[in-house]
Amino acid sequence: MQILRKLAVLVTAIGLATPVLASSPPSQGALRFDVIRKGKDIGELSYSFSGSAAKYSVQVITDIAVKIPLIRVNAYAFKQNSVETWANGKMTSIRSATDDDGDAHQISEKGRGLLPASLWNDDILKRRQLLNTIDGTVMSVRVIDLGVQNVPTRSGQLRAHHYRISGDLERDVWYDQNGDLAHVSFKADDGSTVTYLRK
């Protein structure tokens, strides 16, 4: 079913803004989000970080299922498990396995000088090209700075910097004062709004 084909493409963008830069993983070692569509929780996105500030790995897991009302059968499902390795602020390799509603994708490659479009790292806001973590293609992107705003989280409102991404992908992203991903919003194929709500 095609209604949400691009629902969980975790791609980001870049531009000429000057955000706080995330050269190391978050101090808490993890970031977790509920995926919300039409007021309902349809899945989870998680980032798990291990290692040191100089050398670390990031595991990104996405598990989304949109169910048909009443019969509770999946109208759309997306699962992805990827591992990024980083050294001295650069991604050195990425491995990713994705099931996009039955369409399987796998990538395993070196960093190629690109940053992955996995959203957690706000260094992407300085770049004009990103690596698609689903199929390994290169995406051209740009970003505009929309200023500081309050965004909702599971623990209350959070002050965060808002950027609007466009180009090969359109996303609104917010990063907190530490440069950590705070919130994401975008339109699905059916016109509904999908948000990532930080836990």
Protein backbone atom coordinates (compact mmCIF):
# COMPACT_ATOMS: atom_id res chain seq x y z
CA MET A 1 0.00 0.00 0.00
CA GLN A 2 1.39 3.38 -1.03
CA ILE A 3 -0.36 5.87 1.28
CA LEU A 4 2.75 6.56 3.39
CA ARG A 5 5.60 5.44 1.13
CA LYS A 6 7.96 8.14 2.35
CA LEU A 7 6.76 8.12 5.95
CA ALA A 8 9.96 7.01 7.63
CA VAL A 9 12.71 8.09 5.25
CA LEU A 10 15.01 9.53 7.86
CA VAL A 11 16.64 12.12 5.67
CA THR A 12 17.82 15.60 6.52
CA ALA A 13 19.26 18.69 4.91
CA ILE A 14 21.89 21.32 4.97
CA GLY A 15 22.44 24.94 4.35
CA LEU A 16 24.13 28.17 5.36
CA ALA A 17 22.94 28.33 8.97
CA THR A 18 25.31 28.33 11.93
CA PRO A 19 23.89 25.97 14.58
CA VAL A 20 25.55 24.50 17.63
CA LEU A 21 27.53 21.60 16.14
CA ALA A 22 27.33 18.04 17.43
CA SER A 23 30.89 16.76 17.14
CA SER A 24 30.27 14.05 19.75
CA PRO A 25 27.31 11.92 20.82
CA PRO A 26 24.77 13.19 23.38
CA SER A 27 25.99 12.90 26.96
CA GLN A 28 23.02 10.74 27.93
CA GLY A 29 24.03 8.09 25.41
CA ALA A 30 20.61 7.76 23.77
CA LEU A 31 17.78 9.68 22.12
CA ARG A 32 14.30 8.17 21.77
CA PHE A 33 11.20 9.41 19.99
CA ASP A 34 7.59 8.37 19.59
CA VAL A 35 6.37 8.65 15.99
CA ILE A 36 2.97 10.38 15.92
CA ARG A 37 0.45 10.60 13.06
CA LYS A 38 -3.10 11.98 13.38
CA GLY A 39 -2.67 12.07 17.15
CA LYS A 40 -1.79 8.37 17.37
CA ASP A 41 1.48 6.70 18.31
CA ILE A 42 2.50 4.61 15.28
CA GLY A 43 6.02 3.62 16.25
CA GLU A 44 9.38 4.52 17.66
CA LEU A 45 12.73 5.94 16.55
CA SER A 46 15.78 5.42 18.75
CA TYR A 47 19.45 6.41 18.65
CA SER A 48 21.92 4.55 20.85
CA PHE A 49 25.49 5.86 21.18
CA SER A 50 28.52 3.94 22.47
CA GLY A 51 32.23 4.72 22.67
CA SER A 52 34.09 7.96 23.37
CA ALA A 53 33.78 11.49 22.01
CA ALA A 54 36.63 10.77 19.61
CA LYS A 55 35.45 7.36 18.39
CA TYR A 56 31.94 6.02 18.72
CA SER A 57 29.11 4.17 17.02
CA VAL A 58 25.45 5.07 16.59
CA GLN A 59 22.70 2.49 16.22
CA VAL A 60 19.52 3.89 14.69
CA ILE A 61 16.36 1.77 14.93
CA THR A 62 13.03 2.74 13.40
CA ASP A 63 9.88 0.64 13.80
CA ILE A 64 6.65 2.05 12.36
CA ALA A 65 3.27 0.45 11.66
CA VAL A 66 0.16 2.28 10.44
CA LYS A 67 -2.90 0.11 11.02
CA ILE A 68 -6.25 0.10 9.26
CA PRO A 69 -8.95 1.06 11.78
CA LEU A 70 -11.21 -1.67 13.16
CA ILE A 71 -9.48 -4.64 11.52
CA ARG A 72 -6.05 -3.58 12.86
CA VAL A 73 -4.19 -4.81 9.78
CA ASN A 74 -1.07 -2.89 8.77
CA ALA A 75 -1.69 -0.34 6.03
CA TYR A 76 2.00 0.51 6.02
CA ALA A 77 5.07 -0.74 7.87
CA PHE A 78 8.66 0.47 7.97
CA LYS A 79 11.59 -1.05 9.84
CA GLN A 80 15.21 0.02 9.73
CA ASN A 81 18.30 -0.91 11.70
CA SER A 82 21.50 0.97 10.89
CA VAL A 83 24.90 1.34 12.54
CA GLU A 84 27.16 4.33 11.90
CA THR A 85 30.80 4.37 13.02
CA TRP A 86 32.48 7.71 13.68
CA ALA A 87 36.08 8.83 14.33
CA ASN A 88 37.30 12.38 14.95
CA GLY A 89 34.02 13.94 13.84
CA LYS A 90 33.74 11.98 10.58
CA MET A 91 31.57 9.01 9.68
CA THR A 92 33.88 6.16 8.68
CA SER A 93 31.27 3.54 7.75
CA ILE A 94 27.56 2.74 7.73
CA ARG A 95 25.60 -0.51 7.59
CA SER A 96 21.85 -0.39 7.17
CA ALA A 97 19.02 -2.88 6.61
CA THR A 98 15.57 -1.51 5.75
CA ASP A 99 12.16 -3.07 5.12
CA ASP A 100 10.04 -0.34 3.54
CA ASP A 101 6.61 -1.98 3.48
CA GLY A 102 8.01 -5.11 1.86
CA ASP A 103 10.73 -3.43 -0.22
CA ALA A 104 14.11 -4.51 1.15
CA HIS A 105 17.22 -2.33 1.04
CA GLN A 106 20.72 -2.92 2.37
CA ILE A 107 23.81 -0.75 2.32
CA SER A 108 27.30 -1.31 3.69
CA GLU A 109 29.94 1.22 2.79
CA LYS A 110 32.59 3.68 3.86
CA GLY A 111 31.77 7.25 4.76
CA ARG A 112 32.65 8.73 1.34
CA GLY A 113 33.07 12.14 2.96
CA LEU A 114 29.29 12.45 3.40
CA LEU A 115 27.19 12.76 6.51
CA PRO A 116 24.24 10.39 6.87
CA ALA A 117 20.70 11.75 6.77
CA SER A 118 19.84 10.21 10.12
CA LEU A 119 18.95 13.62 11.64
CA TRP A 120 20.64 13.24 15.04
CA ASN A 121 23.79 15.17 14.06
CA ASP A 122 23.19 18.89 13.47
CA ASP A 123 26.45 19.12 11.51
CA ILE A 124 24.22 18.21 8.56
CA LEU A 125 22.92 21.78 8.60
CA LYS A 126 26.23 22.93 7.09
CA ARG A 127 26.19 20.51 4.17
CA ARG A 128 24.57 20.55 0.73
CA GLN A 129 24.71 16.79 0.20
CA LEU A 130 23.76 13.92 2.50
CA LEU A 131 23.83 10.14 2.30
CA ASN A 132 20.42 8.46 2.15
CA THR A 133 20.58 5.78 4.86
CA ILE A 134 18.03 3.58 3.07
CA ASP A 135 19.52 3.11 -0.38
CA GLY A 136 22.92 4.86 -0.25
CA THR A 137 22.06 7.55 -2.79
CA VAL A 138 23.35 11.11 -2.47
CA MET A 139 20.71 13.75 -1.73
CA SER A 140 20.97 17.46 -2.52
CA VAL A 141 19.49 19.59 0.24
CA ARG A 142 19.26 23.13 1.61
CA VAL A 143 18.03 24.65 4.87
CA ILE A 144 16.63 27.89 6.25
CA ASP A 145 16.87 29.09 9.84
CA LEU A 146 13.48 29.80 11.45
CA GLY A 147 14.72 30.81 14.89
CA VAL A 148 14.20 29.53 18.41
CA GLN A 149 10.84 28.09 19.48
CA ASN A 150 9.26 25.88 22.12
CA VAL A 151 8.54 22.29 21.04
CA PRO A 152 6.64 19.55 22.86
CA THR A 153 8.36 16.52 24.40
CA ARG A 154 7.06 13.74 26.63
CA SER A 155 8.50 15.64 29.62
CA GLY A 156 7.16 19.08 28.67
CA GLN A 157 8.06 22.02 26.47
CA LEU A 158 11.65 22.40 25.30
CA ARG A 159 13.40 25.46 23.84
CA ALA A 160 14.94 24.49 20.50
CA HIS A 161 16.24 25.95 17.24
CA HIS A 162 14.01 25.38 14.19
CA TYR A 163 15.33 24.68 10.66
CA ARG A 164 13.30 23.94 7.54
CA ILE A 165 14.89 21.48 5.14
CA SER A 166 14.04 21.29 1.45
CA GLY A 167 15.41 19.79 -1.73
CA ASP A 168 15.38 16.03 -2.17
CA LEU A 169 13.56 15.80 1.14
CA GLU A 170 11.40 18.20 3.13
CA ARG A 171 11.62 18.13 6.91
CA ASP A 172 11.25 20.59 9.77
CA VAL A 173 13.82 19.82 12.47
CA TRP A 174 14.54 21.33 15.87
CA TYR A 175 17.77 21.01 17.90
CA ASP A 176 18.12 21.86 21.59
CA GLN A 177 20.82 24.05 23.12
CA ASN A 178 23.20 21.08 23.24
CA GLY A 179 22.78 20.42 19.51
CA ASP A 180 20.71 17.26 20.14
CA LEU A 181 17.69 16.46 17.98
CA ALA A 182 14.59 17.69 19.81
CA HIS A 183 11.69 17.39 17.36
CA VAL A 184 10.85 16.54 13.74
CA SER A 185 7.77 17.28 11.62
CA PHE A 186 6.91 16.48 7.99
CA LYS A 187 4.06 15.71 5.62
CA ALA A 188 3.38 12.09 4.66
CA ASP A 189 2.29 11.11 1.15
CA ASP A 190 -1.39 11.29 2.12
CA GLY A 191 -1.01 14.86 3.42
CA SER A 192 -1.10 13.95 7.11
CA THR A 193 1.49 15.41 9.47
CA VAL A 194 4.01 13.09 11.10
CA THR A 195 6.04 14.19 14.12
CA TYR A 196 8.85 12.69 16.14
CA LEU A 197 8.11 13.42 19.83
CA ARG A 198 11.15 13.12 22.10
CA LYS A 199 10.77 10.97 25.19
